Amino acid sequence: MSCDAFFEFRAVVSFLVLRGTSNAEIERMLSETYGVAAPSRPFVIKWAWRFRAGRKSLEDDPSTGRLRATSGLAAAIAERLEEQPFESTHSLADALGFSHETIRHALREELRLKKFMLWWVPNTLSPAQKQQRVICAQ
């Protein structure tokens, strides 16, 4: 669903709130008009409440989400794993001050590492590593 559709739904809800229409009636009208593309009941309730409280803008509120400050995280993880290759994601998270999921994402997506037999190993081996394994196996 596009942002324009949500903007349009908000405009309709705003208009119907100004006319004194109930939430249930607004939801029914939107369902009749837009069918399966109609906004959900929580959408109608949330925006109707906002417009009844005096809101005039149809725009989204600016995001207040926390920005990720993960620059250098992959390097810090790699450095720490050189010192302690058996370290868990939870202990890395505690030591580096990031969430467990952020550490897992950095290990998986940026460093391309996975845990194997207590060691963090690359998902793919370089040609030199493959050759070294052949030599060791012989």
C-alpha atoms as a PDB file:
ATOM      1  CA  MET A   1       0.000   0.000   0.000  1.00  0.00           C
ATOM      2  CA  SER A   2       1.403   3.361  -0.998  1.00  0.00           C
ATOM      3  CA  CYS A   3       1.899   6.383   1.233  1.00  0.00           C
ATOM      4  CA  ASP A   4      -0.623   8.239  -0.924  1.00  0.00           C
ATOM      5  CA  ALA A   5      -3.306   5.700   0.021  1.00  0.00           C
ATOM      6  CA  PHE A   6      -2.665   6.217   3.744  1.00  0.00           C
ATOM      7  CA  PHE A   7      -2.742   9.981   3.197  1.00  0.00           C
ATOM      8  CA  GLU A   8      -6.086   9.601   1.425  1.00  0.00           C
ATOM      9  CA  PHE A   9      -7.494   7.403   4.217  1.00  0.00           C
ATOM     10  CA  ARG A  10      -6.449   9.980   6.809  1.00  0.00           C
ATOM     11  CA  ALA A  11      -8.175  12.732   4.822  1.00  0.00           C
ATOM     12  CA  VAL A  12     -11.393  10.704   4.694  1.00  0.00           C
ATOM     13  CA  VAL A  13     -11.209   9.913   8.418  1.00  0.00           C
ATOM     14  CA  SER A  14     -10.546  13.593   9.193  1.00  0.00           C
ATOM     15  CA  PHE A  15     -13.551  14.690   7.139  1.00  0.00           C
ATOM     16  CA  LEU A  16     -15.857  12.112   8.718  1.00  0.00           C
ATOM     17  CA  VAL A  17     -14.676  13.012  12.231  1.00  0.00           C
ATOM     18  CA  LEU A  18     -15.523  16.667  11.510  1.00  0.00           C
ATOM     19  CA  ARG A  19     -19.035  15.518  10.497  1.00  0.00           C
ATOM     20  CA  GLY A  20     -19.390  13.694  13.855  1.00  0.00           C
ATOM     21  CA  THR A  21     -19.332  10.161  12.440  1.00  0.00           C
ATOM     22  CA  SER A  22     -18.589   7.299  14.854  1.00  0.00           C
ATOM     23  CA  ASN A  23     -15.535   5.065  14.467  1.00  0.00           C
ATOM     24  CA  ALA A  24     -17.687   2.059  13.557  1.00  0.00           C
ATOM     25  CA  GLU A  25     -19.470   4.043  10.868  1.00  0.00           C
ATOM     26  CA  ILE A  26     -16.173   5.385   9.489  1.00  0.00           C
ATOM     27  CA  GLU A  27     -14.809   1.843   9.330  1.00  0.00           C
ATOM     28  CA  ARG A  28     -17.966   0.584   7.587  1.00  0.00           C
ATOM     29  CA  MET A  29     -17.888   3.380   5.005  1.00  0.00           C
ATOM     30  CA  LEU A  30     -14.211   2.800   4.230  1.00  0.00           C
ATOM     31  CA  SER A  31     -14.792  -0.952   3.871  1.00  0.00           C
ATOM     32  CA  GLU A  32     -17.715  -0.387   1.511  1.00  0.00           C
ATOM     33  CA  THR A  33     -15.757   2.073  -0.595  1.00  0.00           C
ATOM     34  CA  TYR A  34     -12.273   0.528  -0.668  1.00  0.00           C
ATOM     35  CA  GLY A  35     -13.053  -3.162  -0.119  1.00  0.00           C
ATOM     36  CA  VAL A  36      -9.995  -5.253   0.809  1.00  0.00           C
ATOM     37  CA  ALA A  37      -7.747  -2.204   0.420  1.00  0.00           C
ATOM     38  CA  ALA A  38      -9.545  -0.407   3.264  1.00  0.00           C
ATOM     39  CA  PRO A  39      -7.465   0.490   6.320  1.00  0.00           C
ATOM     40  CA  SER A  40      -7.620  -1.680   9.425  1.00  0.00           C
ATOM     41  CA  ARG A  41      -9.835  -0.958  12.419  1.00  0.00           C
ATOM     42  CA  PRO A  42      -6.835   0.106  14.597  1.00  0.00           C
ATOM     43  CA  PHE A  43      -5.845   2.600  11.869  1.00  0.00           C
ATOM     44  CA  VAL A  44      -9.322   4.138  11.906  1.00  0.00           C
ATOM     45  CA  ILE A  45      -9.480   4.280  15.712  1.00  0.00           C
ATOM     46  CA  LYS A  46      -5.992   5.793  16.042  1.00  0.00           C
ATOM     47  CA  TRP A  47      -6.500   8.504  13.438  1.00  0.00           C
ATOM     48  CA  ALA A  48     -10.067   9.318  14.483  1.00  0.00           C
ATOM     49  CA  TRP A  49      -8.848   9.782  18.055  1.00  0.00           C
ATOM     50  CA  ARG A  50      -6.034  12.060  16.853  1.00  0.00           C
ATOM     51  CA  PHE A  51      -8.391  14.216  14.778  1.00  0.00           C
ATOM     52  CA  ARG A  52     -10.925  14.438  17.626  1.00  0.00           C
ATOM     53  CA  ALA A  53      -8.065  15.594  19.884  1.00  0.00           C
ATOM     54  CA  GLY A  54      -7.475  18.547  17.570  1.00  0.00           C
ATOM     55  CA  ARG A  55      -4.875  17.275  15.123  1.00  0.00           C
ATOM     56  CA  LYS A  56      -4.984  19.083  11.781  1.00  0.00           C
ATOM     57  CA  SER A  57      -2.061  17.527   9.889  1.00  0.00           C
ATOM     58  CA  LEU A  58      -2.479  14.455   7.701  1.00  0.00           C
ATOM     59  CA  GLU A  59       1.286  13.893   7.625  1.00  0.00           C
ATOM     60  CA  ASP A  60       3.100  11.224   9.627  1.00  0.00           C
ATOM     61  CA  ASP A  61       4.839  12.355  12.770  1.00  0.00           C
ATOM     62  CA  PRO A  62       8.614  12.551  12.424  1.00  0.00           C
ATOM     63  CA  SER A  63      10.317   9.334  13.414  1.00  0.00           C
ATOM     64  CA  THR A  64      11.730   9.307  16.916  1.00  0.00           C
ATOM     65  CA  GLY A  65      13.424   5.940  16.547  1.00  0.00           C
ATOM     66  CA  ARG A  66      16.940   5.503  17.818  1.00  0.00           C
ATOM     67  CA  LEU A  67      19.588   5.803  15.131  1.00  0.00           C
ATOM     68  CA  ARG A  68      22.023   2.936  14.947  1.00  0.00           C
ATOM     69  CA  ALA A  69      25.578   3.893  15.758  1.00  0.00           C
ATOM     70  CA  THR A  70      27.224   0.691  14.578  1.00  0.00           C
ATOM     71  CA  SER A  71      30.107   2.128  12.592  1.00  0.00           C
ATOM     72  CA  GLY A  72      33.192   0.181  13.520  1.00  0.00           C
ATOM     73  CA  LEU A  73      31.179  -2.551  15.211  1.00  0.00           C
ATOM     74  CA  ALA A  74      32.328  -5.259  12.793  1.00  0.00           C
ATOM     75  CA  ALA A  75      35.968  -4.306  13.357  1.00  0.00           C
ATOM     76  CA  ALA A  76      35.490  -4.324  17.130  1.00  0.00           C
ATOM     77  CA  ILE A  77      33.868  -7.759  16.969  1.00  0.00           C
ATOM     78  CA  ALA A  78      36.639  -9.141  14.737  1.00  0.00           C
ATOM     79  CA  GLU A  79      39.309  -7.772  17.092  1.00  0.00           C
ATOM     80  CA  ARG A  80      37.587  -9.272  20.118  1.00  0.00           C
ATOM     81  CA  LEU A  81      37.180 -12.656  18.411  1.00  0.00           C
ATOM     82  CA  GLU A  82      40.908 -12.757  17.633  1.00  0.00           C
ATOM     83  CA  GLU A  83      41.570 -12.552  21.367  1.00  0.00           C
ATOM     84  CA  GLN A  84      38.694 -14.846  22.429  1.00  0.00           C
ATOM     85  CA  PRO A  85      37.464 -16.991  19.502  1.00  0.00           C
ATOM     86  CA  PHE A  86      34.994 -18.960  21.678  1.00  0.00           C
ATOM     87  CA  GLU A  87      33.077 -15.914  22.881  1.00  0.00           C
ATOM     88  CA  SER A  88      29.272 -16.040  22.652  1.00  0.00           C
ATOM     89  CA  THR A  89      27.059 -13.393  21.083  1.00  0.00           C
ATOM     90  CA  HIS A  90      25.633 -12.548  24.509  1.00  0.00           C
ATOM     91  CA  SER A  91      29.055 -11.884  26.011  1.00  0.00           C
ATOM     92  CA  LEU A  92      30.024  -9.856  22.917  1.00  0.00           C
ATOM     93  CA  ALA A  93      26.842  -7.827  23.337  1.00  0.00           C
ATOM     94  CA  ASP A  94      27.611  -7.166  27.006  1.00  0.00           C
ATOM     95  CA  ALA A  95      31.229  -6.267  26.310  1.00  0.00           C
ATOM     96  CA  LEU A  96      30.558  -3.968  23.342  1.00  0.00           C
ATOM     97  CA  GLY A  97      27.335  -2.373  24.588  1.00  0.00           C
ATOM     98  CA  PHE A  98      25.049  -3.449  21.749  1.00  0.00           C
ATOM     99  CA  SER A  99      22.014  -5.701  21.700  1.00  0.00           C
ATOM    100  CA  HIS A 100      22.359  -9.412  21.101  1.00  0.00           C
ATOM    101  CA  GLU A 101      20.491  -9.115  17.778  1.00  0.00           C
ATOM    102  CA  THR A 102      22.758  -6.305  16.564  1.00  0.00           C
ATOM    103  CA  ILE A 103      25.804  -8.456  17.305  1.00  0.00           C
ATOM    104  CA  ARG A 104      24.229 -11.444  15.519  1.00  0.00           C
ATOM    105  CA  HIS A 105      23.452  -9.277  12.500  1.00  0.00           C
ATOM    106  CA  ALA A 106      27.009  -7.936  12.343  1.00  0.00           C
ATOM    107  CA  LEU A 107      28.475 -11.435  12.627  1.00  0.00           C
ATOM    108  CA  ARG A 108      26.162 -12.901  10.006  1.00  0.00           C
ATOM    109  CA  GLU A 109      25.835 -10.073   7.490  1.00  0.00           C
ATOM    110  CA  GLU A 110      28.980  -7.965   7.789  1.00  0.00           C
ATOM    111  CA  LEU A 111      31.637 -10.440   8.898  1.00  0.00           C
ATOM    112  CA  ARG A 112      30.004 -13.483   7.276  1.00  0.00           C
ATOM    113  CA  LEU A 113      30.798 -15.674  10.263  1.00  0.00           C
ATOM    114  CA  LYS A 114      28.925 -18.577  11.795  1.00  0.00           C
ATOM    115  CA  LYS A 115      29.477 -20.585  14.942  1.00  0.00           C
ATOM    116  CA  PHE A 116      30.832 -24.085  14.341  1.00  0.00           C
ATOM    117  CA  MET A 117      32.012 -26.339  17.177  1.00  0.00           C
ATOM    118  CA  LEU A 118      32.451 -23.322  19.489  1.00  0.00           C
ATOM    119  CA  TRP A 119      34.542 -21.420  16.905  1.00  0.00           C
ATOM    120  CA  TRP A 120      33.461 -18.491  14.783  1.00  0.00           C
ATOM    121  CA  VAL A 121      34.328 -19.503  11.203  1.00  0.00           C
ATOM    122  CA  PRO A 122      33.762 -17.863   7.818  1.00  0.00           C
ATOM    123  CA  ASN A 123      30.705 -19.023   5.896  1.00  0.00           C
ATOM    124  CA  THR A 124      32.919 -19.592   2.855  1.00  0.00           C
ATOM    125  CA  LEU A 125      36.575 -20.485   2.690  1.00  0.00           C
ATOM    126  CA  SER A 126      39.098 -18.601   0.619  1.00  0.00           C
ATOM    127  CA  PRO A 127      41.092 -20.570  -1.989  1.00  0.00           C
ATOM    128  CA  ALA A 128      44.152 -20.451   0.281  1.00  0.00           C
ATOM    129  CA  GLN A 129      42.147 -21.885   3.189  1.00  0.00           C
ATOM    130  CA  LYS A 130      40.777 -24.658   0.966  1.00  0.00           C
ATOM    131  CA  GLN A 131      44.305 -25.552  -0.177  1.00  0.00           C
ATOM    132  CA  GLN A 132      45.522 -25.563   3.430  1.00  0.00           C
ATOM    133  CA  ARG A 133      42.761 -28.000   4.377  1.00  0.00           C
ATOM    134  CA  VAL A 134      43.731 -30.307   1.508  1.00  0.00           C
ATOM    135  CA  ILE A 135      47.367 -30.260   2.661  1.00  0.00           C
ATOM    136  CA  CYS A 136      46.357 -30.983   6.277  1.00  0.00           C
ATOM    137  CA  ALA A 137      44.064 -33.815   5.203  1.00  0.00           C
ATOM    138  CA  GLN A 138      46.841 -35.507   3.181  1.00  0.00           C
END
